Amino acid sequence: MNAKPQSPRTAWLTLLLAGAFEVGYALSVGGSHAFTVWQWSVAAAVFFLLTLWALSQALRTIEVSIGYATWAGLGSAGAALLGPVFFDESLTPTKALWLAVTITGVIWLKLADRQPDPT
């Protein structure tokens, strides 16, 4: 059963959703304390399955090199930004600078995926 690939817009929205699920997964793993807290562990398993499903859907349309790098960048930046909110972590100016570089890279990857105008 070969399903039709998504439109580029839908694929990118799905990739953003996969990135959000990846942030949820990373934060849940952190909260699970090596899978010893069952509530966080269950959340981690759910987010893991959701992020892989959404990523696989997006990669049906978006090139793997761009999609995977974007997904990983979104996940790492989101976890670094939300880590201080949920856990006893810090966001130093140096971390903030490199997060800005990561986010800029994700934006440039999106721009690099633009299809050429057929005219």
PDB file of N, CA and C in Angstrom:
ATOM      1  N   MET A   1       0.837  -1.168   0.000  1.00  0.00           N
ATOM      2  CA  MET A   1       0.000   0.000   0.000  1.00  0.00           C
ATOM      3  C   MET A   1       0.884   1.234   0.000  1.00  0.00           C
ATOM      4  N   ASN A   2       0.971   1.902  -1.129  1.00  0.00           N
ATOM      5  CA  ASN A   2       1.777   3.103  -1.267  1.00  0.00           C
ATOM      6  C   ASN A   2       0.891   4.321  -1.136  1.00  0.00           C
ATOM      7  N   ALA A   3       1.015   5.023  -0.023  1.00  0.00           N
ATOM      8  CA  ALA A   3       0.235   6.232   0.186  1.00  0.00           C
ATOM      9  C   ALA A   3       0.910   7.393  -0.538  1.00  0.00           C
ATOM     10  N   LYS A   4       0.086   8.323  -0.983  1.00  0.00           N
ATOM     11  CA  LYS A   4       0.595   9.488  -1.686  1.00  0.00           C
ATOM     12  C   LYS A   4       1.388  10.377  -0.720  1.00  0.00           C
ATOM     13  N   PRO A   5       2.557  10.889  -1.137  1.00  0.00           N
ATOM     14  CA  PRO A   5       3.321  11.789  -0.269  1.00  0.00           C
ATOM     15  C   PRO A   5       2.504  13.048   0.048  1.00  0.00           C
ATOM     16  N   GLN A   6       2.835  13.668   1.156  1.00  0.00           N
ATOM     17  CA  GLN A   6       2.166  14.889   1.581  1.00  0.00           C
ATOM     18  C   GLN A   6       2.605  16.063   0.712  1.00  0.00           C
ATOM     19  N   SER A   7       1.806  17.129   0.733  1.00  0.00           N
ATOM     20  CA  SER A   7       2.250  18.364   0.093  1.00  0.00           C
ATOM     21  C   SER A   7       3.449  18.885   0.895  1.00  0.00           C
ATOM     22  N   PRO A   8       4.310  19.669   0.289  1.00  0.00           N
ATOM     23  CA  PRO A   8       5.457  20.198   1.029  1.00  0.00           C
ATOM     24  C   PRO A   8       5.050  20.956   2.292  1.00  0.00           C
ATOM     25  N   ARG A   9       3.993  21.743   2.212  1.00  0.00           N
ATOM     26  CA  ARG A   9       3.535  22.503   3.386  1.00  0.00           C
ATOM     27  C   ARG A   9       3.112  21.562   4.508  1.00  0.00           C
ATOM     28  N   THR A  10       2.326  20.549   4.172  1.00  0.00           N
ATOM     29  CA  THR A  10       1.868  19.585   5.175  1.00  0.00           C
ATOM     30  C   THR A  10       3.054  18.810   5.741  1.00  0.00           C
ATOM     31  N   ALA A  11       4.003  18.459   4.887  1.00  0.00           N
ATOM     32  CA  ALA A  11       5.183  17.723   5.349  1.00  0.00           C
ATOM     33  C   ALA A  11       5.971  18.557   6.353  1.00  0.00           C
ATOM     34  N   TRP A  12       6.128  19.851   6.098  1.00  0.00           N
ATOM     35  CA  TRP A  12       6.874  20.701   7.020  1.00  0.00           C
ATOM     36  C   TRP A  12       6.112  20.893   8.329  1.00  0.00           C
ATOM     37  N   LEU A  13       4.793  20.998   8.252  1.00  0.00           N
ATOM     38  CA  LEU A  13       4.007  21.084   9.488  1.00  0.00           C
ATOM     39  C   LEU A  13       4.122  19.790  10.288  1.00  0.00           C
ATOM     40  N   THR A  14       4.126  18.662   9.591  1.00  0.00           N
ATOM     41  CA  THR A  14       4.298  17.370  10.257  1.00  0.00           C
ATOM     42  C   THR A  14       5.684  17.271  10.885  1.00  0.00           C
ATOM     43  N   LEU A  15       6.692  17.804  10.194  1.00  0.00           N
ATOM     44  CA  LEU A  15       8.048  17.804  10.745  1.00  0.00           C
ATOM     45  C   LEU A  15       8.134  18.678  12.001  1.00  0.00           C
ATOM     46  N   LEU A  16       7.456  19.817  11.999  1.00  0.00           N
ATOM     47  CA  LEU A  16       7.410  20.659  13.200  1.00  0.00           C
ATOM     48  C   LEU A  16       6.731  19.916  14.350  1.00  0.00           C
ATOM     49  N   LEU A  17       5.677  19.190  14.038  1.00  0.00           N
ATOM     50  CA  LEU A  17       5.001  18.379  15.055  1.00  0.00           C
ATOM     51  C   LEU A  17       5.941  17.301  15.579  1.00  0.00           C
ATOM     52  N   ALA A  18       6.683  16.670  14.688  1.00  0.00           N
ATOM     53  CA  ALA A  18       7.667  15.665  15.107  1.00  0.00           C
ATOM     54  C   ALA A  18       8.710  16.288  16.022  1.00  0.00           C
ATOM     55  N   GLY A  19       9.130  17.513  15.719  1.00  0.00           N
ATOM     56  CA  GLY A  19      10.079  18.215  16.579  1.00  0.00           C
ATOM     57  C   GLY A  19       9.503  18.487  17.956  1.00  0.00           C
ATOM     58  N   ALA A  20       8.231  18.862  18.010  1.00  0.00           N
ATOM     59  CA  ALA A  20       7.575  19.088  19.306  1.00  0.00           C
ATOM     60  C   ALA A  20       7.493  17.788  20.101  1.00  0.00           C
ATOM     61  N   PHE A  21       7.150  16.696  19.419  1.00  0.00           N
ATOM     62  CA  PHE A  21       7.120  15.396  20.099  1.00  0.00           C
ATOM     63  C   PHE A  21       8.514  15.002  20.585  1.00  0.00           C
ATOM     64  N   GLU A  22       9.536  15.362  19.828  1.00  0.00           N
ATOM     65  CA  GLU A  22      10.915  15.053  20.230  1.00  0.00           C
ATOM     66  C   GLU A  22      11.286  15.813  21.499  1.00  0.00           C
ATOM     67  N   VAL A  23      10.835  17.052  21.598  1.00  0.00           N
ATOM     68  CA  VAL A  23      11.070  17.832  22.821  1.00  0.00           C
ATOM     69  C   VAL A  23      10.373  17.140  23.993  1.00  0.00           C
ATOM     70  N   GLY A  24       9.127  16.721  23.775  1.00  0.00           N
ATOM     71  CA  GLY A  24       8.408  15.998  24.828  1.00  0.00           C
ATOM     72  C   GLY A  24       9.124  14.732  25.239  1.00  0.00           C
ATOM     73  N   TYR A  25       9.667  14.027  24.261  1.00  0.00           N
ATOM     74  CA  TYR A  25      10.417  12.801  24.547  1.00  0.00           C
ATOM     75  C   TYR A  25      11.661  13.109  25.385  1.00  0.00           C
ATOM     76  N   ALA A  26      12.436  14.102  24.964  1.00  0.00           N
ATOM     77  CA  ALA A  26      13.669  14.432  25.679  1.00  0.00           C
ATOM     78  C   ALA A  26      13.373  14.861  27.118  1.00  0.00           C
ATOM     79  N   LEU A  27      12.369  15.692  27.288  1.00  0.00           N
ATOM     80  CA  LEU A  27      12.024  16.138  28.637  1.00  0.00           C
ATOM     81  C   LEU A  27      11.491  14.985  29.481  1.00  0.00           C
ATOM     82  N   SER A  28      10.721  14.099  28.870  1.00  0.00           N
ATOM     83  CA  SER A  28      10.187  12.942  29.607  1.00  0.00           C
ATOM     84  C   SER A  28      11.296  11.993  30.033  1.00  0.00           C
ATOM     85  N   VAL A  29      12.262  11.767  29.157  1.00  0.00           N
ATOM     86  CA  VAL A  29      13.394  10.912  29.522  1.00  0.00           C
ATOM     87  C   VAL A  29      14.150  11.533  30.690  1.00  0.00           C
ATOM     88  N   GLY A  30      14.341  12.855  30.641  1.00  0.00           N
ATOM     89  CA  GLY A  30      15.011  13.530  31.748  1.00  0.00           C
ATOM     90  C   GLY A  30      14.240  13.394  33.051  1.00  0.00           C
ATOM     91  N   GLY A  31      12.933  13.524  32.968  1.00  0.00           N
ATOM     92  CA  GLY A  31      12.101  13.408  34.161  1.00  0.00           C
ATOM     93  C   GLY A  31      11.940  11.994  34.673  1.00  0.00           C
ATOM     94  N   SER A  32      12.236  11.020  33.813  1.00  0.00           N
ATOM     95  CA  SER A  32      12.057   9.619  34.218  1.00  0.00           C
ATOM     96  C   SER A  32      13.156   9.134  35.163  1.00  0.00           C
ATOM     97  N   HIS A  33      14.247   9.901  35.265  1.00  0.00           N
ATOM     98  CA  HIS A  33      15.386   9.505  36.112  1.00  0.00           C
ATOM     99  C   HIS A  33      15.800   8.062  35.815  1.00  0.00           C
ATOM    100  N   ALA A  34      16.244   7.876  34.568  1.00  0.00           N
ATOM    101  CA  ALA A  34      16.688   6.552  34.087  1.00  0.00           C
ATOM    102  C   ALA A  34      15.548   5.530  34.149  1.00  0.00           C
ATOM    103  N   PHE A  35      14.353   5.993  33.795  1.00  0.00           N
ATOM    104  CA  PHE A  35      13.153   5.159  33.733  1.00  0.00           C
ATOM    105  C   PHE A  35      12.791   4.535  35.083  1.00  0.00           C
ATOM    106  N   THR A  36      13.016   5.291  36.156  1.00  0.00           N
ATOM    107  CA  THR A  36      12.619   4.819  37.483  1.00  0.00           C
ATOM    108  C   THR A  36      11.325   5.483  37.958  1.00  0.00           C
ATOM    109  N   VAL A  37      10.893   6.550  37.288  1.00  0.00           N
ATOM    110  CA  VAL A  37       9.622   7.212  37.604  1.00  0.00           C
ATOM    111  C   VAL A  37       8.642   6.818  36.508  1.00  0.00           C
ATOM    112  N   TRP A  38       7.667   5.989  36.852  1.00  0.00           N
ATOM    113  CA  TRP A  38       6.838   5.356  35.822  1.00  0.00           C
ATOM    114  C   TRP A  38       6.011   6.349  35.014  1.00  0.00           C
ATOM    115  N   GLN A  39       5.517   7.436  35.613  1.00  0.00           N
ATOM    116  CA  GLN A  39       4.698   8.388  34.861  1.00  0.00           C
ATOM    117  C   GLN A  39       5.510   9.046  33.741  1.00  0.00           C
ATOM    118  N   TRP A  40       6.705   9.487  34.081  1.00  0.00           N
ATOM    119  CA  TRP A  40       7.577  10.087  33.075  1.00  0.00           C
ATOM    120  C   TRP A  40       8.024   9.040  32.054  1.00  0.00           C
ATOM    121  N   SER A  41       8.217   7.820  32.500  1.00  0.00           N
ATOM    122  CA  SER A  41       8.644   6.743  31.597  1.00  0.00           C
ATOM    123  C   SER A  41       7.568   6.434  30.565  1.00  0.00           C
ATOM    124  N   VAL A  42       6.314   6.390  31.000  1.00  0.00           N
ATOM    125  CA  VAL A  42       5.197   6.157  30.071  1.00  0.00           C
ATOM    126  C   VAL A  42       5.106   7.321  29.084  1.00  0.00           C
ATOM    127  N   ALA A  43       5.228   8.540  29.586  1.00  0.00           N
ATOM    128  CA  ALA A  43       5.202   9.707  28.698  1.00  0.00           C
ATOM    129  C   ALA A  43       6.331   9.637  27.677  1.00  0.00           C
ATOM    130  N   ALA A  44       7.513   9.211  28.115  1.00  0.00           N
ATOM    131  CA  ALA A  44       8.650   9.092  27.192  1.00  0.00           C
ATOM    132  C   ALA A  44       8.350   8.082  26.094  1.00  0.00           C
ATOM    133  N   ALA A  45       7.763   6.949  26.454  1.00  0.00           N
ATOM    134  CA  ALA A  45       7.445   5.918  25.450  1.00  0.00           C
ATOM    135  C   ALA A  45       6.420   6.444  24.444  1.00  0.00           C
ATOM    136  N   VAL A  46       5.416   7.153  24.924  1.00  0.00           N
ATOM    137  CA  VAL A  46       4.392   7.703  24.030  1.00  0.00           C
ATOM    138  C   VAL A  46       5.002   8.744  23.097  1.00  0.00           C
ATOM    139  N   PHE A  47       5.772   9.680  23.654  1.00  0.00           N
ATOM    140  CA  PHE A  47       6.410  10.700  22.814  1.00  0.00           C
ATOM    141  C   PHE A  47       7.395  10.088  21.826  1.00  0.00           C
ATOM    142  N   PHE A  48       8.087   9.033  22.229  1.00  0.00           N
ATOM    143  CA  PHE A  48       9.020   8.349  21.328  1.00  0.00           C
ATOM    144  C   PHE A  48       8.288   7.807  20.102  1.00  0.00           C
ATOM    145  N   LEU A  49       7.184   7.121  20.338  1.00  0.00           N
ATOM    146  CA  LEU A  49       6.412   6.569  19.220  1.00  0.00           C
ATOM    147  C   LEU A  49       5.820   7.673  18.350  1.00  0.00           C
ATOM    148  N   LEU A  50       5.317   8.731  18.979  1.00  0.00           N
ATOM    149  CA  LEU A  50       4.740   9.833  18.213  1.00  0.00           C
ATOM    150  C   LEU A  50       5.777  10.558  17.369  1.00  0.00           C
ATOM    151  N   THR A  51       6.965  10.796  17.934  1.00  0.00           N
ATOM    152  CA  THR A  51       7.981  11.525  17.178  1.00  0.00           C
ATOM    153  C   THR A  51       8.475  10.697  15.993  1.00  0.00           C
ATOM    154  N   LEU A  52       8.635   9.398  16.188  1.00  0.00           N
ATOM    155  CA  LEU A  52       9.078   8.562  15.066  1.00  0.00           C
ATOM    156  C   LEU A  52       8.013   8.466  13.985  1.00  0.00           C
ATOM    157  N   TRP A  53       6.748   8.373  14.401  1.00  0.00           N
ATOM    158  CA  TRP A  53       5.663   8.313  13.411  1.00  0.00           C
ATOM    159  C   TRP A  53       5.613   9.600  12.601  1.00  0.00           C
ATOM    160  N   ALA A  54       5.610  10.757  13.285  1.00  0.00           N
ATOM    161  CA  ALA A  54       5.513  12.032  12.579  1.00  0.00           C
ATOM    162  C   ALA A  54       6.740  12.271  11.697  1.00  0.00           C
ATOM    163  N   LEU A  55       7.921  11.932  12.199  1.00  0.00           N
ATOM    164  CA  LEU A  55       9.136  12.087  11.396  1.00  0.00           C
ATOM    165  C   LEU A  55       9.063  11.224  10.137  1.00  0.00           C
ATOM    166  N   SER A  56       8.628   9.991  10.296  1.00  0.00           N
ATOM    167  CA  SER A  56       8.556   9.102   9.127  1.00  0.00           C
ATOM    168  C   SER A  56       7.556   9.619   8.094  1.00  0.00           C
ATOM    169  N   GLN A  57       6.466  10.218   8.551  1.00  0.00           N
ATOM    170  CA  GLN A  57       5.496  10.795   7.616  1.00  0.00           C
ATOM    171  C   GLN A  57       6.103  11.975   6.861  1.00  0.00           C
ATOM    172  N   ALA A  58       6.795  12.839   7.581  1.00  0.00           N
ATOM    173  CA  ALA A  58       7.400  14.013   6.952  1.00  0.00           C
ATOM    174  C   ALA A  58       8.486  13.623   5.949  1.00  0.00           C
ATOM    175  N   LEU A  59       9.246  12.576   6.277  1.00  0.00           N
ATOM    176  CA  LEU A  59      10.353  12.171   5.403  1.00  0.00           C
ATOM    177  C   LEU A  59       9.880  11.491   4.123  1.00  0.00           C
ATOM    178  N   ARG A  60       8.597  11.266   4.002  1.00  0.00           N
ATOM    179  CA  ARG A  60       8.069  10.763   2.728  1.00  0.00           C
ATOM    180  C   ARG A  60       8.134  11.855   1.660  1.00  0.00           C
ATOM    181  N   THR A  61       8.190  13.114   2.093  1.00  0.00           N
ATOM    182  CA  THR A  61       8.219  14.249   1.170  1.00  0.00           C
ATOM    183  C   THR A  61       9.518  15.036   1.267  1.00  0.00           C
ATOM    184  N   ILE A  62       9.993  15.256   2.480  1.00  0.00           N
ATOM    185  CA  ILE A  62      11.201  16.056   2.711  1.00  0.00           C
ATOM    186  C   ILE A  62      12.419  15.142   2.630  1.00  0.00           C
ATOM    187  N   GLU A  63      13.494  15.637   2.034  1.00  0.00           N
ATOM    188  CA  GLU A  63      14.729  14.851   1.946  1.00  0.00           C
ATOM    189  C   GLU A  63      15.208  14.490   3.350  1.00  0.00           C
ATOM    190  N   VAL A  64      15.735  13.272   3.492  1.00  0.00           N
ATOM    191  CA  VAL A  64      16.176  12.787   4.798  1.00  0.00           C
ATOM    192  C   VAL A  64      17.244  13.712   5.390  1.00  0.00           C
ATOM    193  N   SER A  65      18.193  14.156   4.584  1.00  0.00           N
ATOM    194  CA  SER A  65      19.277  14.995   5.105  1.00  0.00           C
ATOM    195  C   SER A  65      18.740  16.281   5.731  1.00  0.00           C
ATOM    196  N   ILE A  66      17.784  16.887   5.112  1.00  0.00           N
ATOM    197  CA  ILE A  66      17.210  18.130   5.621  1.00  0.00           C
ATOM    198  C   ILE A  66      16.227  17.840   6.749  1.00  0.00           C
ATOM    199  N   GLY A  67      15.370  16.864   6.564  1.00  0.00           N
ATOM    200  CA  GLY A  67      14.356  16.545   7.565  1.00  0.00           C
ATOM    201  C   GLY A  67      14.940  16.079   8.881  1.00  0.00           C
ATOM    202  N   TYR A  68      15.910  15.186   8.825  1.00  0.00           N
ATOM    203  CA  TYR A  68      16.491  14.665  10.057  1.00  0.00           C
ATOM    204  C   TYR A  68      17.254  15.750  10.808  1.00  0.00           C
ATOM    205  N   ALA A  69      18.032  16.549  10.081  1.00  0.00           N
ATOM    206  CA  ALA A  69      18.788  17.624  10.732  1.00  0.00           C
ATOM    207  C   ALA A  69      17.844  18.641  11.365  1.00  0.00           C
ATOM    208  N   THR A  70      16.760  18.954  10.686  1.00  0.00           N
ATOM    209  CA  THR A  70      15.776  19.889  11.226  1.00  0.00           C
ATOM    210  C   THR A  70      15.130  19.316  12.476  1.00  0.00           C
ATOM    211  N   TRP A  71      14.715  18.055  12.416  1.00  0.00           N
ATOM    212  CA  TRP A  71      14.080  17.376  13.554  1.00  0.00           C
ATOM    213  C   TRP A  71      15.016  17.357  14.764  1.00  0.00           C
ATOM    214  N   ALA A  72      16.263  17.002  14.534  1.00  0.00           N
ATOM    215  CA  ALA A  72      17.231  16.949  15.628  1.00  0.00           C
ATOM    216  C   ALA A  72      17.489  18.344  16.192  1.00  0.00           C
ATOM    217  N   GLY A  73      17.583  19.337  15.328  1.00  0.00           N
ATOM    218  CA  GLY A  73      17.807  20.711  15.787  1.00  0.00           C
ATOM    219  C   GLY A  73      16.636  21.237  16.597  1.00  0.00           C
ATOM    220  N   LEU A  74      15.421  20.968  16.126  1.00  0.00           N
ATOM    221  CA  LEU A  74      14.233  21.394  16.871  1.00  0.00           C
ATOM    222  C   LEU A  74      14.178  20.720  18.233  1.00  0.00           C
ATOM    223  N   GLY A  75      14.471  19.425  18.245  1.00  0.00           N
ATOM    224  CA  GLY A  75      14.430  18.679  19.504  1.00  0.00           C
ATOM    225  C   GLY A  75      15.455  19.174  20.502  1.00  0.00           C
ATOM    226  N   SER A  76      16.664  19.384  20.034  1.00  0.00           N
ATOM    227  CA  SER A  76      17.717  19.823  20.961  1.00  0.00           C
ATOM    228  C   SER A  76      17.493  21.256  21.431  1.00  0.00           C
ATOM    229  N   ALA A  77      17.088  22.141  20.533  1.00  0.00           N
ATOM    230  CA  ALA A  77      16.840  23.525  20.927  1.00  0.00           C
ATOM    231  C   ALA A  77      15.649  23.611  21.881  1.00  0.00           C
ATOM    232  N   GLY A  78      14.592  22.885  21.571  1.00  0.00           N
ATOM    233  CA  GLY A  78      13.415  22.907  22.438  1.00  0.00           C
ATOM    234  C   GLY A  78      13.708  22.353  23.822  1.00  0.00           C
ATOM    235  N   ALA A  79      14.452  21.261  23.871  1.00  0.00           N
ATOM    236  CA  ALA A  79      14.799  20.676  25.167  1.00  0.00           C
ATOM    237  C   ALA A  79      15.702  21.621  25.966  1.00  0.00           C
ATOM    238  N   ALA A  80      16.621  22.286  25.293  1.00  0.00           N
ATOM    239  CA  ALA A  80      17.519  23.217  25.989  1.00  0.00           C
ATOM    240  C   ALA A  80      16.750  24.439  26.495  1.00  0.00           C
ATOM    241  N   LEU A  81      15.766  24.897  25.734  1.00  0.00           N
ATOM    242  CA  LEU A  81      14.977  26.049  26.172  1.00  0.00           C
ATOM    243  C   LEU A  81      14.003  25.691  27.290  1.00  0.00           C
ATOM    244  N   LEU A  82      13.441  24.493  27.251  1.00  0.00           N
ATOM    245  CA  LEU A  82      12.453  24.105  28.253  1.00  0.00           C
ATOM    246  C   LEU A  82      13.042  23.369  29.457  1.00  0.00           C
ATOM    247  N   GLY A  83      14.286  22.912  29.342  1.00  0.00           N
ATOM    248  CA  GLY A  83      14.941  22.258  30.474  1.00  0.00           C
ATOM    249  C   GLY A  83      14.932  23.111  31.738  1.00  0.00           C
ATOM    250  N   PRO A  84      15.266  24.399  31.631  1.00  0.00           N
ATOM    251  CA  PRO A  84      15.222  25.245  32.828  1.00  0.00           C
ATOM    252  C   PRO A  84      13.809  25.458  33.380  1.00  0.00           C
ATOM    253  N   VAL A  85      12.798  25.311  32.538  1.00  0.00           N
ATOM    254  CA  VAL A  85      11.415  25.484  32.992  1.00  0.00           C
ATOM    255  C   VAL A  85      10.972  24.289  33.828  1.00  0.00           C
ATOM    256  N   PHE A  86      11.329  23.080  33.395  1.00  0.00           N
ATOM    257  CA  PHE A  86      10.853  21.866  34.055  1.00  0.00           C
ATOM    258  C   PHE A  86      11.833  21.264  35.057  1.00  0.00           C
ATOM    259  N   PHE A  87      13.109  21.548  34.885  1.00  0.00           N
ATOM    260  CA  PHE A  87      14.131  20.930  35.720  1.00  0.00           C
ATOM    261  C   PHE A  87      15.076  21.992  36.265  1.00  0.00           C
ATOM    262  N   ASP A  88      15.956  21.576  37.117  1.00  0.00           N
ATOM    263  CA  ASP A  88      16.929  22.493  37.710  1.00  0.00           C
ATOM    264  C   ASP A  88      18.117  22.649  36.763  1.00  0.00           C
ATOM    265  N   GLU A  89      17.867  23.286  35.627  1.00  0.00           N
ATOM    266  CA  GLU A  89      18.907  23.514  34.628  1.00  0.00           C
ATOM    267  C   GLU A  89      19.058  25.009  34.409  1.00  0.00           C
ATOM    268  N   SER A  90      20.145  25.388  33.801  1.00  0.00           N
ATOM    269  CA  SER A  90      20.384  26.812  33.543  1.00  0.00           C
ATOM    270  C   SER A  90      20.457  27.064  32.044  1.00  0.00           C
ATOM    271  N   LEU A  91      20.154  28.298  31.668  1.00  0.00           N
ATOM    272  CA  LEU A  91      20.319  28.734  30.287  1.00  0.00           C
ATOM    273  C   LEU A  91      21.263  29.932  30.322  1.00  0.00           C
ATOM    274  N   THR A  92      22.541  29.641  30.113  1.00  0.00           N
ATOM    275  CA  THR A  92      23.567  30.676  30.174  1.00  0.00           C
ATOM    276  C   THR A  92      23.598  31.453  28.857  1.00  0.00           C
ATOM    277  N   PRO A  93      24.219  32.615  28.858  1.00  0.00           N
ATOM    278  CA  PRO A  93      24.344  33.359  27.599  1.00  0.00           C
ATOM    279  C   PRO A  93      25.054  32.551  26.504  1.00  0.00           C
ATOM    280  N   THR A  94      26.033  31.758  26.869  1.00  0.00           N
ATOM    281  CA  THR A  94      26.731  30.937  25.872  1.00  0.00           C
ATOM    282  C   THR A  94      25.785  29.893  25.285  1.00  0.00           C
ATOM    283  N   LYS A  95      25.003  29.234  26.132  1.00  0.00           N
ATOM    284  CA  LYS A  95      24.021  28.274  25.633  1.00  0.00           C
ATOM    285  C   LYS A  95      23.001  28.967  24.725  1.00  0.00           C
ATOM    286  N   ALA A  96      22.542  30.145  25.143  1.00  0.00           N
ATOM    287  CA  ALA A  96      21.566  30.890  24.348  1.00  0.00           C
ATOM    288  C   ALA A  96      22.131  31.252  22.976  1.00  0.00           C
ATOM    289  N   LEU A  97      23.398  31.630  22.933  1.00  0.00           N
ATOM    290  CA  LEU A  97      24.042  31.957  21.658  1.00  0.00           C
ATOM    291  C   LEU A  97      24.031  30.744  20.728  1.00  0.00           C
ATOM    292  N   TRP A  98      24.437  29.587  21.237  1.00  0.00           N
ATOM    293  CA  TRP A  98      24.508  28.402  20.390  1.00  0.00           C
ATOM    294  C   TRP A  98      23.124  27.879  20.028  1.00  0.00           C
ATOM    295  N   LEU A  99      22.148  28.110  20.877  1.00  0.00           N
ATOM    296  CA  LEU A  99      20.764  27.778  20.513  1.00  0.00           C
ATOM    297  C   LEU A  99      20.304  28.658  19.360  1.00  0.00           C
ATOM    298  N   ALA A 100      20.673  29.923  19.395  1.00  0.00           N
ATOM    299  CA  ALA A 100      20.335  30.833  18.300  1.00  0.00           C
ATOM    300  C   ALA A 100      20.984  30.365  16.999  1.00  0.00           C
ATOM    301  N   VAL A 101      22.219  29.890  17.091  1.00  0.00           N
ATOM    302  CA  VAL A 101      22.896  29.360  15.904  1.00  0.00           C
ATOM    303  C   VAL A 101      22.152  28.125  15.386  1.00  0.00           C
ATOM    304  N   THR A 102      21.735  27.249  16.292  1.00  0.00           N
ATOM    305  CA  THR A 102      20.991  26.044  15.901  1.00  0.00           C
ATOM    306  C   THR A 102      19.678  26.412  15.230  1.00  0.00           C
ATOM    307  N   ILE A 103      18.935  27.330  15.822  1.00  0.00           N
ATOM    308  CA  ILE A 103      17.649  27.741  15.262  1.00  0.00           C
ATOM    309  C   ILE A 103      17.843  28.400  13.903  1.00  0.00           C
ATOM    310  N   THR A 104      18.883  29.212  13.767  1.00  0.00           N
ATOM    311  CA  THR A 104      19.195  29.829  12.470  1.00  0.00           C
ATOM    312  C   THR A 104      19.497  28.749  11.434  1.00  0.00           C
ATOM    313  N   GLY A 105      20.238  27.732  11.844  1.00  0.00           N
ATOM    314  CA  GLY A 105      20.533  26.621  10.929  1.00  0.00           C
ATOM    315  C   GLY A 105      19.276  25.901  10.488  1.00  0.00           C
ATOM    316  N   VAL A 106      18.328  25.691  11.394  1.00  0.00           N
ATOM    317  CA  VAL A 106      17.066  25.033  11.040  1.00  0.00           C
ATOM    318  C   VAL A 106      16.303  25.886  10.020  1.00  0.00           C
ATOM    319  N   ILE A 107      16.284  27.197  10.232  1.00  0.00           N
ATOM    320  CA  ILE A 107      15.597  28.078   9.281  1.00  0.00           C
ATOM    321  C   ILE A 107      16.260  28.006   7.910  1.00  0.00           C
ATOM    322  N   TRP A 108      17.593  27.999   7.875  1.00  0.00           N
ATOM    323  CA  TRP A 108      18.302  27.913   6.591  1.00  0.00           C
ATOM    324  C   TRP A 108      18.062  26.569   5.905  1.00  0.00           C
ATOM    325  N   LEU A 109      17.936  25.501   6.708  1.00  0.00           N
ATOM    326  CA  LEU A 109      17.611  24.204   6.105  1.00  0.00           C
ATOM    327  C   LEU A 109      16.232  24.241   5.447  1.00  0.00           C
ATOM    328  N   LYS A 110      15.279  24.874   6.100  1.00  0.00           N
ATOM    329  CA  LYS A 110      13.947  25.003   5.517  1.00  0.00           C
ATOM    330  C   LYS A 110      14.025  25.782   4.214  1.00  0.00           C
ATOM    331  N   LEU A 111      14.765  26.870   4.222  1.00  0.00           N
ATOM    332  CA  LEU A 111      14.915  27.665   3.004  1.00  0.00           C
ATOM    333  C   LEU A 111      15.625  26.887   1.898  1.00  0.00           C
ATOM    334  N   ALA A 112      16.551  26.028   2.281  1.00  0.00           N
ATOM    335  CA  ALA A 112      17.271  25.217   1.295  1.00  0.00           C
ATOM    336  C   ALA A 112      16.387  24.172   0.646  1.00  0.00           C
ATOM    337  N   ASP A 113      15.280  23.835   1.293  1.00  0.00           N
ATOM    338  CA  ASP A 113      14.374  22.807   0.769  1.00  0.00           C
ATOM    339  C   ASP A 113      13.343  23.364  -0.194  1.00  0.00           C
ATOM    340  N   ARG A 114      13.355  24.664  -0.398  1.00  0.00           N
ATOM    341  CA  ARG A 114      12.383  25.255  -1.333  1.00  0.00           C
ATOM    342  C   ARG A 114      12.589  24.685  -2.723  1.00  0.00           C
ATOM    343  N   GLN A 115      11.478  24.327  -3.326  1.00  0.00           N
ATOM    344  CA  GLN A 115      11.533  23.778  -4.674  1.00  0.00           C
ATOM    345  C   GLN A 115      11.717  24.915  -5.676  1.00  0.00           C
ATOM    346  N   PRO A 116      12.511  24.694  -6.721  1.00  0.00           N
ATOM    347  CA  PRO A 116      12.698  25.753  -7.722  1.00  0.00           C
ATOM    348  C   PRO A 116      11.382  26.048  -8.430  1.00  0.00           C
ATOM    349  N   ASP A 117      11.222  27.307  -8.824  1.00  0.00           N
ATOM    350  CA  ASP A 117      10.028  27.731  -9.546  1.00  0.00           C
ATOM    351  C   ASP A 117      10.034  27.078 -10.926  1.00  0.00           C
ATOM    352  N   PRO A 118       8.961  26.351 -11.301  1.00  0.00           N
ATOM    353  CA  PRO A 118       8.969  25.633 -12.585  1.00  0.00           C
ATOM    354  C   PRO A 118       8.874  26.534 -13.796  1.00  0.00           C
ATOM    355  N   THR A 119       8.682  27.832 -13.628  1.00  0.00           N
ATOM    356  CA  THR A 119       8.548  28.706 -14.800  1.00  0.00           C
ATOM    357  C   THR A 119       9.857  29.131 -15.358  1.00  0.00           C
TER     358      THR A 119
END
